[in-house]
Full PDB file with SEQRES, HELIX, SHEET, SSBOND, CRYST1, ORIGX, SCALE, CONECT and MASTER records, all heavy atoms in Angstrom:
SEQRES   1 A   36  TYR LEU VAL LYS ARG GLY LYS GLU PRO GLY THR LEU ASP          
SEQRES   2 A   36  ALA SER LEU ALA GLU GLN ALA VAL ARG LEU GLY ALA GLU          
SEQRES   3 A   36  LEU ARG LEU SER ASP ARG VAL ARG THR LEU                      
HELIX    1 AA1 LEU A   12  ARG A   22  1                                  11    
CRYST1    1.000    1.000    1.000  90.00  90.00  90.00 P 1           1          
ORIGX1      1.000000  0.000000  0.000000        0.00000                         
ORIGX2      0.000000  1.000000  0.000000        0.00000                         
ORIGX3      0.000000  0.000000  1.000000        0.00000                         
SCALE1      1.000000  0.000000  0.000000        0.00000                         
SCALE2      0.000000  1.000000  0.000000        0.00000                         
SCALE3      0.000000  0.000000  1.000000        0.00000                         
ATOM      1  N   TYR A   1       6.711 211.133 177.517  1.00  0.00           N  
ATOM      2  CA  TYR A   1       6.100 211.469 176.244  1.00  0.00           C  
ATOM      3  C   TYR A   1       6.637 212.792 175.790  1.00  0.00           C  
ATOM      4  O   TYR A   1       6.563 213.798 176.500  1.00  0.00           O  
ATOM      5  CB  TYR A   1       4.580 211.504 176.336  1.00  0.00           C  
ATOM      6  CG  TYR A   1       3.965 210.130 176.443  1.00  0.00           C  
ATOM      7  CD1 TYR A   1       3.728 209.575 177.744  1.00  0.00           C  
ATOM      8  CD2 TYR A   1       3.652 209.378 175.333  1.00  0.00           C  
ATOM      9  CE1 TYR A   1       3.178 208.311 177.859  1.00  0.00           C  
ATOM     10  CE2 TYR A   1       3.086 208.110 175.460  1.00  0.00           C  
ATOM     11  CZ  TYR A   1       2.854 207.598 176.705  1.00  0.00           C  
ATOM     12  OH  TYR A   1       2.296 206.314 176.830  1.00  0.00           O  
ATOM     13  N   LEU A   2       7.199 212.827 174.586  1.00  0.00           N  
ATOM     14  CA  LEU A   2       7.758 214.060 174.046  1.00  0.00           C  
ATOM     15  C   LEU A   2       6.648 214.905 173.434  1.00  0.00           C  
ATOM     16  O   LEU A   2       5.879 214.442 172.599  1.00  0.00           O  
ATOM     17  CB  LEU A   2       8.806 213.742 172.996  1.00  0.00           C  
ATOM     18  CG  LEU A   2       9.675 214.885 172.521  1.00  0.00           C  
ATOM     19  CD1 LEU A   2      10.589 215.329 173.635  1.00  0.00           C  
ATOM     20  CD2 LEU A   2      10.506 214.455 171.304  1.00  0.00           C  
ATOM     21  N   VAL A   3       6.549 216.133 173.900  1.00  0.00           N  
ATOM     22  CA  VAL A   3       5.549 217.071 173.350  1.00  0.00           C  
ATOM     23  C   VAL A   3       6.266 218.330 172.916  1.00  0.00           C  
ATOM     24  O   VAL A   3       7.376 218.644 173.359  1.00  0.00           O  
ATOM     25  CB  VAL A   3       4.457 217.426 174.381  1.00  0.00           C  
ATOM     26  CG1 VAL A   3       3.683 216.177 174.776  1.00  0.00           C  
ATOM     27  CG2 VAL A   3       5.049 218.097 175.614  1.00  0.00           C  
ATOM     28  N   LYS A   4       5.648 219.057 172.033  1.00  0.00           N  
ATOM     29  CA  LYS A   4       6.185 220.301 171.524  1.00  0.00           C  
ATOM     30  C   LYS A   4       5.412 221.446 172.178  1.00  0.00           C  
ATOM     31  O   LYS A   4       4.201 221.398 172.319  1.00  0.00           O  
ATOM     32  CB  LYS A   4       6.080 220.353 170.008  1.00  0.00           C  
ATOM     33  CG  LYS A   4       6.924 221.431 169.345  1.00  0.00           C  
ATOM     34  CD  LYS A   4       7.131 221.159 167.859  1.00  0.00           C  
ATOM     35  CE  LYS A   4       5.849 220.904 167.111  1.00  0.00           C  
ATOM     36  NZ  LYS A   4       6.067 220.787 165.651  1.00  0.00           N  
ATOM     37  N   ARG A   5       6.150 222.502 172.595  1.00  0.00           N  
ATOM     38  CA  ARG A   5       5.533 223.641 173.241  1.00  0.00           C  
ATOM     39  C   ARG A   5       5.520 224.834 172.271  1.00  0.00           C  
ATOM     40  O   ARG A   5       6.418 224.997 171.478  1.00  0.00           O  
ATOM     41  CB  ARG A   5       6.303 224.020 174.489  1.00  0.00           C  
ATOM     42  CG  ARG A   5       6.421 222.941 175.554  1.00  0.00           C  
ATOM     43  CD  ARG A   5       5.076 222.521 176.111  1.00  0.00           C  
ATOM     44  NE  ARG A   5       4.301 223.611 176.631  1.00  0.00           N  
ATOM     45  CZ  ARG A   5       4.430 224.130 177.841  1.00  0.00           C  
ATOM     46  NH1 ARG A   5       5.322 223.626 178.671  1.00  0.00           N  
ATOM     47  NH2 ARG A   5       3.656 225.125 178.243  1.00  0.00           N  
ATOM     48  N   GLY A   6       4.487 225.629 172.368  1.00  0.00           N  
ATOM     49  CA  GLY A   6       4.383 226.811 171.517  1.00  0.00           C  
ATOM     50  C   GLY A   6       2.978 227.019 171.003  1.00  0.00           C  
ATOM     51  O   GLY A   6       2.018 226.391 171.459  1.00  0.00           O  
ATOM     52  N   LYS A   7       2.859 227.818 169.965  1.00  0.00           N  
ATOM     53  CA  LYS A   7       1.538 228.191 169.408  1.00  0.00           C  
ATOM     54  C   LYS A   7       1.177 227.375 168.171  1.00  0.00           C  
ATOM     55  O   LYS A   7       0.060 227.526 167.647  1.00  0.00           O  
ATOM     56  CB  LYS A   7       1.533 229.685 169.090  1.00  0.00           C  
ATOM     57  CG  LYS A   7       2.578 230.107 168.063  1.00  0.00           C  
ATOM     58  CD  LYS A   7       2.563 231.598 167.824  1.00  0.00           C  
ATOM     59  CE  LYS A   7       3.611 232.018 166.800  1.00  0.00           C  
ATOM     60  NZ  LYS A   7       3.645 233.471 166.561  1.00  0.00           N  
ATOM     61  N   GLU A   8       2.093 226.544 167.671  1.00  0.00           N  
ATOM     62  CA  GLU A   8       1.817 225.798 166.463  1.00  0.00           C  
ATOM     63  C   GLU A   8       0.760 224.721 166.693  1.00  0.00           C  
ATOM     64  O   GLU A   8       0.615 224.212 167.789  1.00  0.00           O  
ATOM     65  CB  GLU A   8       3.094 225.140 165.943  1.00  0.00           C  
ATOM     66  CG  GLU A   8       4.251 226.068 165.744  1.00  0.00           C  
ATOM     67  CD  GLU A   8       5.553 225.300 165.416  1.00  0.00           C  
ATOM     68  OE1 GLU A   8       5.444 224.130 165.018  1.00  0.00           O  
ATOM     69  OE2 GLU A   8       6.618 225.888 165.568  1.00  0.00           O  
ATOM     70  N   PRO A   9       0.006 224.336 165.645  1.00  0.00           N  
ATOM     71  CA  PRO A   9      -0.920 223.224 165.753  1.00  0.00           C  
ATOM     72  C   PRO A   9      -0.194 221.932 166.186  1.00  0.00           C  
ATOM     73  O   PRO A   9       0.918 221.691 165.727  1.00  0.00           O  
ATOM     74  CB  PRO A   9      -1.503 223.087 164.339  1.00  0.00           C  
ATOM     75  CG  PRO A   9      -1.335 224.432 163.719  1.00  0.00           C  
ATOM     76  CD  PRO A   9      -0.032 224.978 164.289  1.00  0.00           C  
ATOM     77  N   GLY A  10      -0.802 221.197 167.074  1.00  0.00           N  
ATOM     78  CA  GLY A  10      -0.189 219.957 167.527  1.00  0.00           C  
ATOM     79  C   GLY A  10       0.636 220.118 168.807  1.00  0.00           C  
ATOM     80  O   GLY A  10       0.998 219.135 169.454  1.00  0.00           O  
ATOM     81  N   THR A  11       0.967 221.367 169.177  1.00  0.00           N  
ATOM     82  CA  THR A  11       1.675 221.577 170.436  1.00  0.00           C  
ATOM     83  C   THR A  11       0.752 221.336 171.598  1.00  0.00           C  
ATOM     84  O   THR A  11      -0.476 221.381 171.467  1.00  0.00           O  
ATOM     85  CB  THR A  11       2.242 223.005 170.512  1.00  0.00           C  
ATOM     86  OG1 THR A  11       1.159 223.938 170.480  1.00  0.00           O  
ATOM     87  CG2 THR A  11       3.216 223.308 169.366  1.00  0.00           C  
ATOM     88  N   LEU A  12       1.334 221.105 172.770  1.00  0.00           N  
ATOM     89  CA  LEU A  12       0.538 220.899 173.962  1.00  0.00           C  
ATOM     90  C   LEU A  12      -0.325 222.125 174.206  1.00  0.00           C  
ATOM     91  O   LEU A  12      -1.526 222.013 174.505  1.00  0.00           O  
ATOM     92  CB  LEU A  12       1.471 220.657 175.167  1.00  0.00           C  
ATOM     93  CG  LEU A  12       0.769 220.500 176.520  1.00  0.00           C  
ATOM     94  CD1 LEU A  12      -0.037 219.229 176.568  1.00  0.00           C  
ATOM     95  CD2 LEU A  12       1.789 220.558 177.661  1.00  0.00           C  
ATOM     96  N   ASP A  13       0.255 223.325 174.100  1.00  0.00           N  
ATOM     97  CA  ASP A  13      -0.456 224.550 174.409  1.00  0.00           C  
ATOM     98  C   ASP A  13      -1.652 224.781 173.472  1.00  0.00           C  
ATOM     99  O   ASP A  13      -2.764 225.034 173.923  1.00  0.00           O  
ATOM    100  CB  ASP A  13       0.518 225.733 174.327  1.00  0.00           C  
ATOM    101  CG  ASP A  13       1.765 225.487 175.156  1.00  0.00           C  
ATOM    102  OD1 ASP A  13       1.788 225.820 176.350  1.00  0.00           O  
ATOM    103  OD2 ASP A  13       2.727 224.955 174.572  1.00  0.00           O  
ATOM    104  N   ALA A  14      -1.395 224.695 172.190  1.00  0.00           N  
ATOM    105  CA  ALA A  14      -2.470 224.971 171.204  1.00  0.00           C  
ATOM    106  C   ALA A  14      -3.554 223.897 171.307  1.00  0.00           C  
ATOM    107  O   ALA A  14      -4.763 224.227 171.173  1.00  0.00           O  
ATOM    108  CB  ALA A  14      -1.888 224.994 169.792  1.00  0.00           C  
ATOM    109  N   SER A  15      -3.214 222.650 171.540  1.00  0.00           N  
ATOM    110  CA  SER A  15      -4.204 221.577 171.625  1.00  0.00           C  
ATOM    111  C   SER A  15      -5.075 221.728 172.857  1.00  0.00           C  
ATOM    112  O   SER A  15      -6.295 221.521 172.793  1.00  0.00           O  
ATOM    113  CB  SER A  15      -3.475 220.228 171.634  1.00  0.00           C  
ATOM    114  OG  SER A  15      -2.755 220.009 170.452  1.00  0.00           O  
ATOM    115  N   LEU A  16      -4.487 222.076 173.994  1.00  0.00           N  
ATOM    116  CA  LEU A  16      -5.299 222.285 175.188  1.00  0.00           C  
ATOM    117  C   LEU A  16      -6.249 223.466 175.027  1.00  0.00           C  
ATOM    118  O   LEU A  16      -7.395 223.418 175.471  1.00  0.00           O  
ATOM    119  CB  LEU A  16      -4.413 222.482 176.396  1.00  0.00           C  
ATOM    120  CG  LEU A  16      -3.593 221.264 176.897  1.00  0.00           C  
ATOM    121  CD1 LEU A  16      -2.716 221.660 178.092  1.00  0.00           C  
ATOM    122  CD2 LEU A  16      -4.489 220.098 177.247  1.00  0.00           C  
ATOM    123  N   ALA A  17      -5.736 224.538 174.384  1.00  0.00           N  
ATOM    124  CA  ALA A  17      -6.609 225.704 174.154  1.00  0.00           C  
ATOM    125  C   ALA A  17      -7.759 225.356 173.246  1.00  0.00           C  
ATOM    126  O   ALA A  17      -8.918 225.735 173.540  1.00  0.00           O  
ATOM    127  CB  ALA A  17      -5.761 226.830 173.531  1.00  0.00           C  
ATOM    128  N   GLU A  18      -7.509 224.618 172.171  1.00  0.00           N  
ATOM    129  CA  GLU A  18      -8.579 224.236 171.261  1.00  0.00           C  
ATOM    130  C   GLU A  18      -9.603 223.354 171.979  1.00  0.00           C  
ATOM    131  O   GLU A  18     -10.806 223.517 171.781  1.00  0.00           O  
ATOM    132  CB  GLU A  18      -7.956 223.478 170.073  1.00  0.00           C  
ATOM    133  CG  GLU A  18      -8.944 223.165 168.942  1.00  0.00           C  
ATOM    134  CD  GLU A  18      -9.787 221.926 169.197  1.00  0.00           C  
ATOM    135  OE1 GLU A  18      -9.319 221.013 169.899  1.00  0.00           O  
ATOM    136  OE2 GLU A  18     -10.925 221.883 168.685  1.00  0.00           O  
ATOM    137  N   GLN A  19      -9.116 222.477 172.810  1.00  0.00           N  
ATOM    138  CA  GLN A  19     -10.012 221.577 173.560  1.00  0.00           C  
ATOM    139  C   GLN A  19     -10.894 222.383 174.522  1.00  0.00           C  
ATOM    140  O   GLN A  19     -12.093 222.156 174.627  1.00  0.00           O  
ATOM    141  CB  GLN A  19      -9.156 220.570 174.326  1.00  0.00           C  
ATOM    142  CG  GLN A  19      -9.961 219.415 174.906  1.00  0.00           C  
ATOM    143  CD  GLN A  19      -9.019 218.366 175.508  1.00  0.00           C  
ATOM    144  OE1 GLN A  19      -9.418 217.674 176.459  1.00  0.00           O  
ATOM    145  NE2 GLN A  19      -7.819 218.248 175.030  1.00  0.00           N  
ATOM    146  N   ALA A  20     -10.272 223.343 175.257  1.00  0.00           N  
ATOM    147  CA  ALA A  20     -11.052 224.140 176.196  1.00  0.00           C  
ATOM    148  C   ALA A  20     -12.128 224.951 175.492  1.00  0.00           C  
ATOM    149  O   ALA A  20     -13.277 225.002 175.930  1.00  0.00           O  
ATOM    150  CB  ALA A  20     -10.110 225.078 176.982  1.00  0.00           C  
ATOM    151  N   VAL A  21     -11.755 225.601 174.377  1.00  0.00           N  
ATOM    152  CA  VAL A  21     -12.717 226.428 173.622  1.00  0.00           C  
ATOM    153  C   VAL A  21     -13.829 225.551 173.048  1.00  0.00           C  
ATOM    154  O   VAL A  21     -15.031 225.943 173.070  1.00  0.00           O  
ATOM    155  CB  VAL A  21     -11.970 227.219 172.532  1.00  0.00           C  
ATOM    156  CG1 VAL A  21     -12.991 227.925 171.603  1.00  0.00           C  
ATOM    157  CG2 VAL A  21     -11.035 228.244 173.168  1.00  0.00           C  
ATOM    158  N   ARG A  22     -13.452 224.394 172.549  1.00  0.00           N  
ATOM    159  CA  ARG A  22     -14.477 223.508 171.956  1.00  0.00           C  
ATOM    160  C   ARG A  22     -15.497 223.062 173.008  1.00  0.00           C  
ATOM    161  O   ARG A  22     -16.707 222.891 172.686  1.00  0.00           O  
ATOM    162  CB  ARG A  22     -13.788 222.269 171.363  1.00  0.00           C  
ATOM    163  CG  ARG A  22     -14.741 221.202 170.862  1.00  0.00           C  
ATOM    164  CD  ARG A  22     -14.004 220.175 169.989  1.00  0.00           C  
ATOM    165  NE  ARG A  22     -12.793 219.680 170.643  1.00  0.00           N  
ATOM    166  CZ  ARG A  22     -12.770 218.717 171.558  1.00  0.00           C  
ATOM    167  NH1 ARG A  22     -13.899 218.152 171.943  1.00  0.00           N  
ATOM    168  NH2 ARG A  22     -11.611 218.322 172.053  1.00  0.00           N  
ATOM    169  N   LEU A  23     -15.061 222.963 174.280  1.00  0.00           N  
ATOM    170  CA  LEU A  23     -15.980 222.579 175.344  1.00  0.00           C  
ATOM    171  C   LEU A  23     -16.800 223.746 175.868  1.00  0.00           C  
ATOM    172  O   LEU A  23     -17.683 223.549 176.706  1.00  0.00           O  
ATOM    173  CB  LEU A  23     -15.169 221.948 176.483  1.00  0.00           C  
ATOM    174  CG  LEU A  23     -14.579 220.561 176.187  1.00  0.00           C  
ATOM    175  CD1 LEU A  23     -13.596 220.161 177.284  1.00  0.00           C  
ATOM    176  CD2 LEU A  23     -15.701 219.513 176.081  1.00  0.00           C  
ATOM    177  N   GLY A  24     -16.475 224.967 175.423  1.00  0.00           N  
ATOM    178  CA  GLY A  24     -17.268 226.117 175.840  1.00  0.00           C  
ATOM    179  C   GLY A  24     -16.572 227.141 176.660  1.00  0.00           C  
ATOM    180  O   GLY A  24     -17.163 228.154 177.058  1.00  0.00           O  
ATOM    181  N   ALA A  25     -15.288 226.910 176.989  1.00  0.00           N  
ATOM    182  CA  ALA A  25     -14.542 227.909 177.756  1.00  0.00           C  
ATOM    183  C   ALA A  25     -14.282 229.136 176.893  1.00  0.00           C  
ATOM    184  O   ALA A  25     -14.155 229.070 175.682  1.00  0.00           O  
ATOM    185  CB  ALA A  25     -13.227 227.318 178.245  1.00  0.00           C  
ATOM    186  N   GLU A  26     -14.199 230.288 177.569  1.00  0.00           N  
ATOM    187  CA  GLU A  26     -13.905 231.543 176.878  1.00  0.00           C  
ATOM    188  C   GLU A  26     -12.432 231.937 177.067  1.00  0.00           C  
ATOM    189  O   GLU A  26     -11.969 231.995 178.215  1.00  0.00           O  
ATOM    190  CB  GLU A  26     -14.816 232.645 177.419  1.00  0.00           C  
ATOM    191  CG  GLU A  26     -14.642 233.986 176.727  1.00  0.00           C  
ATOM    192  CD  GLU A  26     -15.527 235.090 177.305  1.00  0.00           C  
ATOM    193  OE1 GLU A  26     -16.414 234.742 178.127  1.00  0.00           O  
ATOM    194  OE2 GLU A  26     -15.269 236.259 176.980  1.00  0.00           O  
ATOM    195  N   LEU A  27     -11.725 232.116 175.991  1.00  0.00           N  
ATOM    196  CA  LEU A  27     -10.303 232.461 176.026  1.00  0.00           C  
ATOM    197  C   LEU A  27     -10.122 233.898 175.587  1.00  0.00           C  
ATOM    198  O   LEU A  27     -10.399 234.258 174.428  1.00  0.00           O  
ATOM    199  CB  LEU A  27      -9.512 231.525 175.124  1.00  0.00           C  
ATOM    200  CG  LEU A  27      -8.000 231.723 175.059  1.00  0.00           C  
ATOM    201  CD1 LEU A  27      -7.362 231.624 176.433  1.00  0.00           C  
ATOM    202  CD2 LEU A  27      -7.379 230.733 174.082  1.00  0.00           C  
ATOM    203  N   ARG A  28      -9.672 234.747 176.534  1.00  0.00           N  
ATOM    204  CA  ARG A  28      -9.473 236.167 176.223  1.00  0.00           C  
ATOM    205  C   ARG A  28      -7.989 236.449 176.132  1.00  0.00           C  
ATOM    206  O   ARG A  28      -7.283 236.463 177.150  1.00  0.00           O  
ATOM    207  CB  ARG A  28     -10.125 237.038 177.342  1.00  0.00           C  
ATOM    208  CG  ARG A  28     -11.624 236.859 177.464  1.00  0.00           C  
ATOM    209  CD  ARG A  28     -12.182 237.737 178.556  1.00  0.00           C  
ATOM    210  NE  ARG A  28     -13.621 237.516 178.750  1.00  0.00           N  
ATOM    211  CZ  ARG A  28     -14.352 238.143 179.682  1.00  0.00           C  
ATOM    212  NH1 ARG A  28     -13.743 238.988 180.526  1.00  0.00           N  
ATOM    213  NH2 ARG A  28     -15.623 237.895 179.800  1.00  0.00           N  
ATOM    214  N   LEU A  29      -7.513 236.672 174.919  1.00  0.00           N  
ATOM    215  CA  LEU A  29      -6.099 236.930 174.672  1.00  0.00           C  
ATOM    216  C   LEU A  29      -5.837 238.425 174.822  1.00  0.00           C  
ATOM    217  O   LEU A  29      -6.722 239.261 174.721  1.00  0.00           O  
ATOM    218  CB  LEU A  29      -5.727 236.437 173.272  1.00  0.00           C  
ATOM    219  CG  LEU A  29      -5.943 234.930 173.021  1.00  0.00           C  
ATOM    220  CD1 LEU A  29      -5.614 234.584 171.589  1.00  0.00           C  
ATOM    221  CD2 LEU A  29      -5.093 234.083 173.991  1.00  0.00           C  
ATOM    222  N   SER A  30      -4.560 238.736 175.000  1.00  0.00           N  
ATOM    223  CA  SER A  30      -4.121 240.128 175.233  1.00  0.00           C  
ATOM    224  C   SER A  30      -4.942 240.774 176.329  1.00  0.00           C  
ATOM    225  O   SER A  30      -5.314 241.956 176.261  1.00  0.00           O  
ATOM    226  CB  SER A  30      -4.249 240.942 173.942  1.00  0.00           C  
ATOM    227  OG  SER A  30      -3.435 240.376 172.900  1.00  0.00           O  
ATOM    228  N   ASP A  31      -5.242 240.009 177.372  1.00  0.00           N  
ATOM    229  CA  ASP A  31      -6.113 240.473 178.437  1.00  0.00           C  
ATOM    230  C   ASP A  31      -5.399 240.233 179.794  1.00  0.00           C  
ATOM    231  O   ASP A  31      -5.567 239.208 180.438  1.00  0.00           O  
ATOM    232  CB  ASP A  31      -7.433 239.716 178.419  1.00  0.00           C  
ATOM    233  CG  ASP A  31      -8.429 240.239 179.463  1.00  0.00           C  
ATOM    234  OD1 ASP A  31      -8.241 241.369 179.910  1.00  0.00           O  
ATOM    235  OD2 ASP A  31      -9.341 239.479 179.782  1.00  0.00           O  
ATOM    236  N   ARG A  32      -4.578 241.164 180.184  1.00  0.00           N  
ATOM    237  CA  ARG A  32      -3.821 241.063 181.415  1.00  0.00           C  
ATOM    238  C   ARG A  32      -4.660 241.559 182.575  1.00  0.00           C  
ATOM    239  O   ARG A  32      -5.113 242.705 182.570  1.00  0.00           O  
ATOM    240  CB  ARG A  32      -2.532 241.867 181.285  1.00  0.00           C  
ATOM    241  CG  ARG A  32      -1.612 241.794 182.482  1.00  0.00           C  
ATOM    242  CD  ARG A  32      -0.341 242.541 182.209  1.00  0.00           C  
ATOM    243  NE  ARG A  32       0.625 242.441 183.286  1.00  0.00           N  
ATOM    244  CZ  ARG A  32       1.859 242.953 183.240  1.00  0.00           C  
ATOM    245  NH1 ARG A  32       2.239 243.560 182.131  1.00  0.00           N  
ATOM    246  NH2 ARG A  32       2.677 242.808 184.231  1.00  0.00           N  
ATOM    247  N   VAL A  33      -4.882 240.713 183.560  1.00  0.00           N  
ATOM    248  CA  VAL A  33      -5.670 241.101 184.714  1.00  0.00           C  
ATOM    249  C   VAL A  33      -4.751 241.326 185.916  1.00  0.00           C  
ATOM    250  O   VAL A  33      -3.811 240.583 186.152  1.00  0.00           O  
ATOM    251  CB  VAL A  33      -6.728 240.039 185.045  1.00  0.00           C  
ATOM    252  CG1 VAL A  33      -7.772 239.966 183.973  1.00  0.00           C  
ATOM    253  CG2 VAL A  33      -6.075 238.676 185.301  1.00  0.00           C  
ATOM    254  N   ARG A  34      -5.031 242.391 186.647  1.00  0.00           N  
ATOM    255  CA  ARG A  34      -4.258 242.730 187.840  1.00  0.00           C  
ATOM    256  C   ARG A  34      -4.910 242.177 189.090  1.00  0.00           C  
ATOM    257  O   ARG A  34      -4.270 242.012 190.120  1.00  0.00           O  
ATOM    258  CB  ARG A  34      -4.140 244.252 187.971  1.00  0.00           C  
ATOM    259  CG  ARG A  34      -3.312 244.900 186.873  1.00  0.00           C  
ATOM    260  CD  ARG A  34      -1.848 244.670 187.105  1.00  0.00           C  
ATOM    261  NE  ARG A  34      -1.017 245.454 186.169  1.00  0.00           N  
ATOM    262  CZ  ARG A  34       0.307 245.403 186.148  1.00  0.00           C  
ATOM    263  NH1 ARG A  34       0.936 244.648 187.025  1.00  0.00           N  
ATOM    264  NH2 ARG A  34       0.979 246.109 185.278  1.00  0.00           N  
ATOM    265  N   THR A  35      -6.175 241.938 189.025  1.00  0.00           N  
ATOM    266  CA  THR A  35      -6.895 241.450 190.220  1.00  0.00           C  
ATOM    267  C   THR A  35      -8.047 240.569 189.795  1.00  0.00           C  
ATOM    268  O   THR A  35      -8.641 240.757 188.726  1.00  0.00           O  
ATOM    269  CB  THR A  35      -7.418 242.648 191.044  1.00  0.00           C  
ATOM    270  OG1 THR A  35      -8.073 242.156 192.188  1.00  0.00           O  
ATOM    271  CG2 THR A  35      -8.360 243.507 190.230  1.00  0.00           C  
ATOM    272  N   LEU A  36      -8.359 239.594 190.619  1.00  0.00           N  
ATOM    273  CA  LEU A  36      -9.546 238.744 190.458  1.00  0.00           C  
ATOM    274  C   LEU A  36     -10.423 239.025 191.665  1.00  0.00           C  
ATOM    275  O   LEU A  36     -10.314 238.358 192.688  1.00  0.00           O  
ATOM    276  CB  LEU A  36      -9.181 237.276 190.370  1.00  0.00           C  
ATOM    277  CG  LEU A  36      -8.360 236.843 189.133  1.00  0.00           C  
ATOM    278  CD1 LEU A  36      -7.954 235.382 189.252  1.00  0.00           C  
ATOM    279  CD2 LEU A  36      -9.142 237.084 187.842  1.00  0.00           C  
TER     280      LEU A  36                                                      
MASTER        0    0    0    1    0    0    0    6  279    1    0    3          
END                                                                             
């Protein structure tokens, strides 16, 4: 299955992010962590 990668709508990346957020996951951008 051919998919497009990147930040545009319809890409695998953007679609998975939208799905995760819609389900209640928290997405913190520009947030580089050095340790968990």
